């Protein structure tokens, strides 16, 4: 896997992936940026959420669950001094579908967190990762919070 970062100006960079995709990263104005792109640390959270959601959806699809939506809300807390690493990351999985089996959803999140998601395993070395799950039955109007933690 390869990636390339190209300086554009000030604190703006263009990130290019080995698969041919690009993303703009920029800083806040108080750091010399123009707020025209993601912050690099935001990219880490997005990568973590994307990696885990990919696993969860793949596991649920293989388990023949009728998922209609999957959202991972992520809240990262950082150290107050340099290096400002993530110290705690809360991931809330909101999985919507028809007649979802809560045990299968919980298992999918657990397998992603503990076995398959490379980003989770790596980031878990420096930050406490907390996983919560909310299941929304597509044929119901109210979400069913399982209270499960992976």
C-alpha atoms as a PDB file:
ATOM      1  CA  UNK A   1       0.000   0.000   0.000  1.00  0.00           C
ATOM      2  CA  UNK A   2       1.320   3.393  -0.924  1.00  0.00           C
ATOM      3  CA  UNK A   3       0.317   6.996  -0.372  1.00  0.00           C
ATOM      4  CA  UNK A   4       1.758  10.373  -1.312  1.00  0.00           C
ATOM      5  CA  UNK A   5       1.373  13.763   0.371  1.00  0.00           C
ATOM      6  CA  UNK A   6       2.026  16.867  -1.762  1.00  0.00           C
ATOM      7  CA  UNK A   7       2.374  20.291  -0.203  1.00  0.00           C
ATOM      8  CA  UNK A   8       0.088  22.849  -1.898  1.00  0.00           C
ATOM      9  CA  UNK A   9       0.636  26.029   0.150  1.00  0.00           C
ATOM     10  CA  UNK A  10       0.769  27.210   3.744  1.00  0.00           C
ATOM     11  CA  UNK A  11      -0.508  24.167   5.695  1.00  0.00           C
ATOM     12  CA  UNK A  12      -2.554  22.692   2.846  1.00  0.00           C
ATOM     13  CA  UNK A  13      -1.623  19.294   1.439  1.00  0.00           C
ATOM     14  CA  UNK A  14      -3.014  16.972  -1.202  1.00  0.00           C
ATOM     15  CA  UNK A  15      -3.113  13.344  -0.150  1.00  0.00           C
ATOM     16  CA  UNK A  16      -3.004  10.820  -2.974  1.00  0.00           C
ATOM     17  CA  UNK A  17      -3.701   7.146  -2.403  1.00  0.00           C
ATOM     18  CA  UNK A  18      -2.079   4.288  -4.229  1.00  0.00           C
ATOM     19  CA  UNK A  19      -5.547   3.404  -5.542  1.00  0.00           C
ATOM     20  CA  UNK A  20      -5.719   6.740  -7.370  1.00  0.00           C
ATOM     21  CA  UNK A  21      -7.907   8.870  -5.093  1.00  0.00           C
ATOM     22  CA  UNK A  22      -7.165  12.313  -3.672  1.00  0.00           C
ATOM     23  CA  UNK A  23      -8.165  14.329  -0.637  1.00  0.00           C
ATOM     24  CA  UNK A  24      -7.337  17.847   0.501  1.00  0.00           C
ATOM     25  CA  UNK A  25      -6.023  18.369   4.031  1.00  0.00           C
ATOM     26  CA  UNK A  26      -5.761  21.846   5.508  1.00  0.00           C
ATOM     27  CA  UNK A  27      -5.421  23.526   8.861  1.00  0.00           C
ATOM     28  CA  UNK A  28      -7.526  25.982  10.765  1.00  0.00           C
ATOM     29  CA  UNK A  29      -6.847  29.685  10.162  1.00  0.00           C
ATOM     30  CA  UNK A  30      -5.179  30.015  13.578  1.00  0.00           C
ATOM     31  CA  UNK A  31      -2.651  27.398  12.409  1.00  0.00           C
ATOM     32  CA  UNK A  32      -1.977  29.135   9.091  1.00  0.00           C
ATOM     33  CA  UNK A  33      -4.586  27.279   7.045  1.00  0.00           C
ATOM     34  CA  UNK A  34      -7.684  28.359   5.189  1.00  0.00           C
ATOM     35  CA  UNK A  35     -10.003  25.607   6.473  1.00  0.00           C
ATOM     36  CA  UNK A  36     -10.406  24.133   2.980  1.00  0.00           C
ATOM     37  CA  UNK A  37     -10.028  20.461   3.844  1.00  0.00           C
ATOM     38  CA  UNK A  38      -9.914  17.767   6.466  1.00  0.00           C
ATOM     39  CA  UNK A  39      -7.470  18.000   9.344  1.00  0.00           C
ATOM     40  CA  UNK A  40      -5.006  15.087   9.306  1.00  0.00           C
ATOM     41  CA  UNK A  41      -6.238  13.877  12.712  1.00  0.00           C
ATOM     42  CA  UNK A  42      -9.821  13.932  11.411  1.00  0.00           C
ATOM     43  CA  UNK A  43      -8.615  11.653   8.624  1.00  0.00           C
ATOM     44  CA  UNK A  44      -7.467   9.159  11.266  1.00  0.00           C
ATOM     45  CA  UNK A  45     -10.953   9.072  12.800  1.00  0.00           C
ATOM     46  CA  UNK A  46     -12.551   8.726   9.370  1.00  0.00           C
ATOM     47  CA  UNK A  47     -10.193   5.888   8.516  1.00  0.00           C
ATOM     48  CA  UNK A  48     -10.999   4.129  11.780  1.00  0.00           C
ATOM     49  CA  UNK A  49     -14.747   4.466  11.269  1.00  0.00           C
ATOM     50  CA  UNK A  50     -14.581   3.458   7.621  1.00  0.00           C
ATOM     51  CA  UNK A  51     -12.417   0.418   8.332  1.00  0.00           C
ATOM     52  CA  UNK A  52     -14.727  -0.802  11.076  1.00  0.00           C
ATOM     53  CA  UNK A  53     -17.972  -0.068   9.192  1.00  0.00           C
ATOM     54  CA  UNK A  54     -16.566  -1.998   6.206  1.00  0.00           C
ATOM     55  CA  UNK A  55     -15.998  -5.049   8.439  1.00  0.00           C
ATOM     56  CA  UNK A  56     -19.365  -4.788  10.192  1.00  0.00           C
ATOM     57  CA  UNK A  57     -21.308  -4.539   6.930  1.00  0.00           C
ATOM     58  CA  UNK A  58     -19.379  -7.420   5.357  1.00  0.00           C
ATOM     59  CA  UNK A  59     -20.009  -9.663   8.388  1.00  0.00           C
ATOM     60  CA  UNK A  60     -23.712  -8.750   8.527  1.00  0.00           C
ATOM     61  CA  UNK A  61     -24.133  -9.289   4.784  1.00  0.00           C
ATOM     62  CA  UNK A  62     -22.541 -12.729   5.077  1.00  0.00           C
ATOM     63  CA  UNK A  63     -24.892 -13.406   7.997  1.00  0.00           C
ATOM     64  CA  UNK A  64     -27.825 -12.535   5.725  1.00  0.00           C
ATOM     65  CA  UNK A  65     -28.982  -9.626   7.865  1.00  0.00           C
ATOM     66  CA  UNK A  66     -31.288  -7.179   6.052  1.00  0.00           C
ATOM     67  CA  UNK A  67     -29.323  -4.010   6.809  1.00  0.00           C
ATOM     68  CA  UNK A  68     -30.665  -0.809   5.256  1.00  0.00           C
ATOM     69  CA  UNK A  69     -28.251   1.668   6.862  1.00  0.00           C
ATOM     70  CA  UNK A  70     -25.099   1.759   8.951  1.00  0.00           C
ATOM     71  CA  UNK A  71     -23.673   4.893  10.541  1.00  0.00           C
ATOM     72  CA  UNK A  72     -20.674   5.084  12.839  1.00  0.00           C
ATOM     73  CA  UNK A  73     -20.556   8.238  14.950  1.00  0.00           C
ATOM     74  CA  UNK A  74     -17.084   8.834  16.336  1.00  0.00           C
ATOM     75  CA  UNK A  75     -15.968  11.122  19.131  1.00  0.00           C
ATOM     76  CA  UNK A  76     -12.246  11.344  19.763  1.00  0.00           C
ATOM     77  CA  UNK A  77     -10.599  12.904  22.806  1.00  0.00           C
ATOM     78  CA  UNK A  78      -7.001  14.050  22.509  1.00  0.00           C
ATOM     79  CA  UNK A  79      -4.235  14.710  24.979  1.00  0.00           C
ATOM     80  CA  UNK A  80      -3.830  18.378  25.902  1.00  0.00           C
ATOM     81  CA  UNK A  81      -0.050  18.402  25.417  1.00  0.00           C
ATOM     82  CA  UNK A  82       2.139  17.445  22.463  1.00  0.00           C
ATOM     83  CA  UNK A  83       2.010  14.974  20.947  1.00  0.00           C
ATOM     84  CA  UNK A  84      -1.753  15.361  21.092  1.00  0.00           C
ATOM     85  CA  UNK A  85      -2.565  11.699  20.535  1.00  0.00           C
ATOM     86  CA  UNK A  86      -6.065  10.323  20.839  1.00  0.00           C
ATOM     87  CA  UNK A  87      -6.592   9.114  24.394  1.00  0.00           C
ATOM     88  CA  UNK A  88     -10.200   7.919  24.108  1.00  0.00           C
ATOM     89  CA  UNK A  89     -12.349   7.208  21.082  1.00  0.00           C
ATOM     90  CA  UNK A  90     -16.065   6.461  21.326  1.00  0.00           C
ATOM     91  CA  UNK A  91     -17.594   4.669  18.329  1.00  0.00           C
ATOM     92  CA  UNK A  92     -21.389   4.429  18.227  1.00  0.00           C
ATOM     93  CA  UNK A  93     -22.706   2.073  15.562  1.00  0.00           C
ATOM     94  CA  UNK A  94     -26.253   2.843  14.442  1.00  0.00           C
ATOM     95  CA  UNK A  95     -27.398  -0.121  12.383  1.00  0.00           C
ATOM     96  CA  UNK A  96     -30.803  -0.032  10.724  1.00  0.00           C
ATOM     97  CA  UNK A  97     -32.565  -2.914   9.035  1.00  0.00           C
ATOM     98  CA  UNK A  98     -35.478  -5.312   8.877  1.00  0.00           C
ATOM     99  CA  UNK A  99     -35.777  -7.814  11.739  1.00  0.00           C
ATOM    100  CA  UNK A 100     -32.118  -7.417  12.726  1.00  0.00           C
ATOM    101  CA  UNK A 101     -30.711  -9.980  15.126  1.00  0.00           C
ATOM    102  CA  UNK A 102     -29.093  -7.947  17.922  1.00  0.00           C
ATOM    103  CA  UNK A 103     -26.671 -10.782  18.733  1.00  0.00           C
ATOM    104  CA  UNK A 104     -25.407 -10.826  15.129  1.00  0.00           C
ATOM    105  CA  UNK A 105     -24.915  -7.058  15.123  1.00  0.00           C
ATOM    106  CA  UNK A 106     -23.069  -7.191  18.450  1.00  0.00           C
ATOM    107  CA  UNK A 107     -20.907 -10.056  17.171  1.00  0.00           C
ATOM    108  CA  UNK A 108     -20.072  -8.140  13.972  1.00  0.00           C
ATOM    109  CA  UNK A 109     -18.953  -5.072  15.940  1.00  0.00           C
ATOM    110  CA  UNK A 110     -16.955  -7.232  18.351  1.00  0.00           C
ATOM    111  CA  UNK A 111     -15.204  -9.127  15.529  1.00  0.00           C
ATOM    112  CA  UNK A 112     -14.337  -5.878  13.796  1.00  0.00           C
ATOM    113  CA  UNK A 113     -12.986  -4.320  16.999  1.00  0.00           C
ATOM    114  CA  UNK A 114     -11.030  -7.347  18.192  1.00  0.00           C
ATOM    115  CA  UNK A 115      -9.990  -9.231  15.062  1.00  0.00           C
ATOM    116  CA  UNK A 116     -10.456  -7.644  11.649  1.00  0.00           C
ATOM    117  CA  UNK A 117     -10.168  -3.842  11.775  1.00  0.00           C
ATOM    118  CA  UNK A 118      -6.492  -2.981  11.469  1.00  0.00           C
ATOM    119  CA  UNK A 119      -7.196   0.647  12.334  1.00  0.00           C
ATOM    120  CA  UNK A 120      -8.992  -0.344  15.563  1.00  0.00           C
ATOM    121  CA  UNK A 121      -6.164  -2.617  16.615  1.00  0.00           C
ATOM    122  CA  UNK A 122      -3.541   0.066  15.899  1.00  0.00           C
ATOM    123  CA  UNK A 123      -5.389   2.969  17.490  1.00  0.00           C
ATOM    124  CA  UNK A 124      -6.276   0.808  20.477  1.00  0.00           C
ATOM    125  CA  UNK A 125      -2.562   0.745  21.320  1.00  0.00           C
ATOM    126  CA  UNK A 126      -2.662   4.425  22.336  1.00  0.00           C
ATOM    127  CA  UNK A 127      -6.338   5.197  22.959  1.00  0.00           C
ATOM    128  CA  UNK A 128      -9.154   3.591  24.884  1.00  0.00           C
ATOM    129  CA  UNK A 129     -11.727   2.497  22.299  1.00  0.00           C
ATOM    130  CA  UNK A 130     -15.350   2.263  23.423  1.00  0.00           C
ATOM    131  CA  UNK A 131     -17.903   0.678  21.096  1.00  0.00           C
ATOM    132  CA  UNK A 132     -21.649   1.115  21.567  1.00  0.00           C
ATOM    133  CA  UNK A 133     -24.445  -0.128  19.365  1.00  0.00           C
ATOM    134  CA  UNK A 134     -27.882   1.231  18.562  1.00  0.00           C
ATOM    135  CA  UNK A 135     -30.142  -0.987  16.472  1.00  0.00           C
ATOM    136  CA  UNK A 136     -33.027   0.584  14.603  1.00  0.00           C
ATOM    137  CA  UNK A 137     -35.612  -1.811  13.230  1.00  0.00           C
ATOM    138  CA  UNK A 138     -36.647  -0.376   9.866  1.00  0.00           C
ATOM    139  CA  UNK A 139     -40.209  -1.550  10.439  1.00  0.00           C
ATOM    140  CA  UNK A 140     -40.412   0.247  13.811  1.00  0.00           C
ATOM    141  CA  UNK A 141     -40.423   3.934  14.611  1.00  0.00           C
ATOM    142  CA  UNK A 142     -38.208   3.814  17.703  1.00  0.00           C
ATOM    143  CA  UNK A 143     -34.566   2.685  17.942  1.00  0.00           C
ATOM    144  CA  UNK A 144     -33.684  -0.229  20.175  1.00  0.00           C
ATOM    145  CA  UNK A 145     -30.531   0.550  22.102  1.00  0.00           C
ATOM    146  CA  UNK A 146     -28.835  -2.700  22.984  1.00  0.00           C
ATOM    147  CA  UNK A 147     -26.456  -1.099  25.439  1.00  0.00           C
ATOM    148  CA  UNK A 148     -23.904  -3.501  24.068  1.00  0.00           C
ATOM    149  CA  UNK A 149     -20.289  -2.629  24.238  1.00  0.00           C
ATOM    150  CA  UNK A 150     -17.718  -4.438  22.148  1.00  0.00           C
END
